[in-house]
Each structure stands twice: as structure tokens, then as C-alpha cells.
């Protein structure tokens, strides 16, 4: 992830990236999720656009509000990341992100 965030190529295990647009607190805390391909998952087709690479596993990270080059991995949501994202687990992500932002 470090090489990618410093201008390198996107790792082949990474897919579509986004935020929880319906959760203001996570957006305000610069929390992002990226779909990730795990070893036991069926492979993504070779020419599949990054925006179309979806899985039920997320790597969740935050970007620091004062230092845009500082990142913190805050969770790997797997299995069933989509279902987990509809639970109170998002409050735990909020807590971890706020802790990181206050460092």
C-alpha cells in the first residue's frame, strides 16, 4: 500500500476504493475502504477495470487530516464486509479513526 500511495502501481490484490458516503463521521475522519482480493477468492478477470473489482473483503484505512502523507490501517473486514458494514462495527471504525486523527 505504501508504494501505491507514493505514486507506484496499484497492487493486483486491490480493487475499487471509496468511502462510506452515508456516514458523515467516517467521511470527516478521512476513512477509506478498498476491496481486496484474498488468496482463496476467485481471481478477478485480467482486464477488469479497477472500479469494477469488487469483493466481500475490505481493507480500511484513514488518511491524517494534517499530514496527507500519513496513513493508518484500521481494519481488514472479512468475511462478509458488506454485511459487517451495516452493523455497529462502523462505530468501532469511527473510534479507531478518531484516535488516529488525534495523534
Protein backbone atom coordinates (compact mmCIF):
# COMPACT_ATOMS: atom_id res chain seq x y z
CA UNK A 1 0.00 0.00 0.00
CA UNK A 2 2.85 2.39 0.80
CA UNK A 3 4.30 2.18 -2.72
CA UNK A 4 0.86 2.75 -4.26
CA UNK A 5 0.15 5.80 -2.07
CA UNK A 6 3.57 7.18 -3.05
CA UNK A 7 2.78 7.05 -6.77
CA UNK A 8 3.51 3.41 -7.54
CA UNK A 9 1.17 1.00 -9.30
CA UNK A 10 -1.96 -0.31 -7.64
CA UNK A 11 -1.28 -3.79 -6.25
CA UNK A 12 -3.18 -6.52 -8.13
CA UNK A 13 -4.91 -7.53 -4.88
CA UNK A 14 -6.56 -4.10 -4.59
CA UNK A 15 -9.85 -3.23 -6.21
CA UNK A 16 -12.39 -0.45 -6.08
CA UNK A 17 -11.76 2.25 -3.47
CA UNK A 18 -14.29 4.51 -1.79
CA UNK A 19 -15.77 5.88 1.40
CA UNK A 20 -18.97 5.30 3.33
CA UNK A 21 -20.72 8.30 1.80
CA UNK A 22 -23.76 7.79 4.02
CA UNK A 23 -21.64 8.04 7.19
CA UNK A 24 -20.59 11.65 7.74
CA UNK A 25 -18.32 10.80 10.68
CA UNK A 26 -16.25 8.32 8.65
CA UNK A 27 -16.01 10.73 5.72
CA UNK A 28 -14.99 13.60 8.00
CA UNK A 29 -12.31 11.34 9.52
CA UNK A 30 -10.90 10.56 6.05
CA UNK A 31 -11.71 6.85 6.32
CA UNK A 32 -11.49 4.82 3.10
CA UNK A 33 -12.24 1.23 2.17
CA UNK A 34 -10.69 -0.69 -0.65
CA UNK A 35 -11.96 -4.01 -1.92
CA UNK A 36 -9.21 -6.61 -1.58
CA UNK A 37 -8.68 -9.96 -3.25
CA UNK A 38 -7.73 -12.70 -0.79
CA UNK A 39 -5.82 -15.84 -1.83
CA UNK A 40 -8.88 -18.13 -1.65
CA UNK A 41 -11.13 -15.76 -3.65
CA UNK A 42 -11.88 -16.45 -7.31
CA UNK A 43 -9.49 -14.37 -9.44
CA UNK A 44 -10.55 -11.10 -10.99
CA UNK A 45 -10.60 -11.25 -14.80
CA UNK A 46 -7.24 -9.99 -16.18
CA UNK A 47 -8.54 -6.86 -17.89
CA UNK A 48 -11.24 -5.93 -15.37
CA UNK A 49 -11.25 -2.20 -14.65
CA UNK A 50 -10.17 -1.30 -11.12
CA UNK A 51 -13.54 0.36 -10.43
CA UNK A 52 -15.22 -2.97 -11.22
CA UNK A 53 -13.01 -5.06 -8.93
CA UNK A 54 -15.35 -5.90 -6.07
CA UNK A 55 -15.13 -8.42 -3.26
CA UNK A 56 -16.69 -9.04 0.14
CA UNK A 57 -13.43 -8.09 1.87
CA UNK A 58 -12.30 -4.56 2.71
CA UNK A 59 -9.01 -3.07 3.79
CA UNK A 60 -9.98 0.02 5.80
CA UNK A 61 -7.57 2.89 6.33
CA UNK A 62 -7.54 6.54 7.35
CA UNK A 63 -5.55 9.47 5.98
CA UNK A 64 -4.41 12.01 8.56
CA UNK A 65 -6.15 15.37 8.30
CA UNK A 66 -2.98 17.41 9.00
CA UNK A 67 -0.48 15.23 7.14
CA UNK A 68 -1.94 13.86 3.88
CA UNK A 69 1.08 11.55 3.52
CA UNK A 70 0.35 9.78 6.82
CA UNK A 71 -1.95 6.74 6.75
CA UNK A 72 -3.16 4.23 9.31
CA UNK A 73 -4.61 0.81 8.54
CA UNK A 74 -7.55 0.47 10.88
CA UNK A 75 -9.21 -2.81 9.87
CA UNK A 76 -9.47 -5.71 7.49
CA UNK A 77 -13.15 -6.50 7.22
CA UNK A 78 -13.57 -10.13 6.16
CA UNK A 79 -15.52 -12.21 5.57
CA UNK A 80 -18.83 -10.59 4.67
CA UNK A 81 -17.59 -7.00 4.75
CA UNK A 82 -20.78 -5.67 3.19
CA UNK A 83 -22.93 -7.20 5.95
CA UNK A 84 -20.49 -6.08 8.65
CA UNK A 85 -20.67 -2.53 7.28
CA UNK A 86 -24.38 -2.46 8.14
CA UNK A 87 -23.73 -3.12 11.84
CA UNK A 88 -22.47 -1.20 14.83
CA UNK A 89 -18.93 -2.16 13.74
CA UNK A 90 -18.77 1.19 11.92
CA UNK A 91 -18.74 2.86 15.35
CA UNK A 92 -15.52 0.96 16.09
CA UNK A 93 -14.03 2.23 12.82
CA UNK A 94 -15.05 5.76 13.84
CA UNK A 95 -13.34 5.31 17.20
CA UNK A 96 -10.11 4.00 15.64
CA UNK A 97 -10.07 6.78 13.06
CA UNK A 98 -10.61 9.50 15.67
CA UNK A 99 -7.82 8.04 17.79
CA UNK A 100 -5.50 8.20 14.77
CA UNK A 101 -6.59 11.74 13.85
CA UNK A 102 -5.81 12.92 17.39
CA UNK A 103 -2.18 11.75 17.24
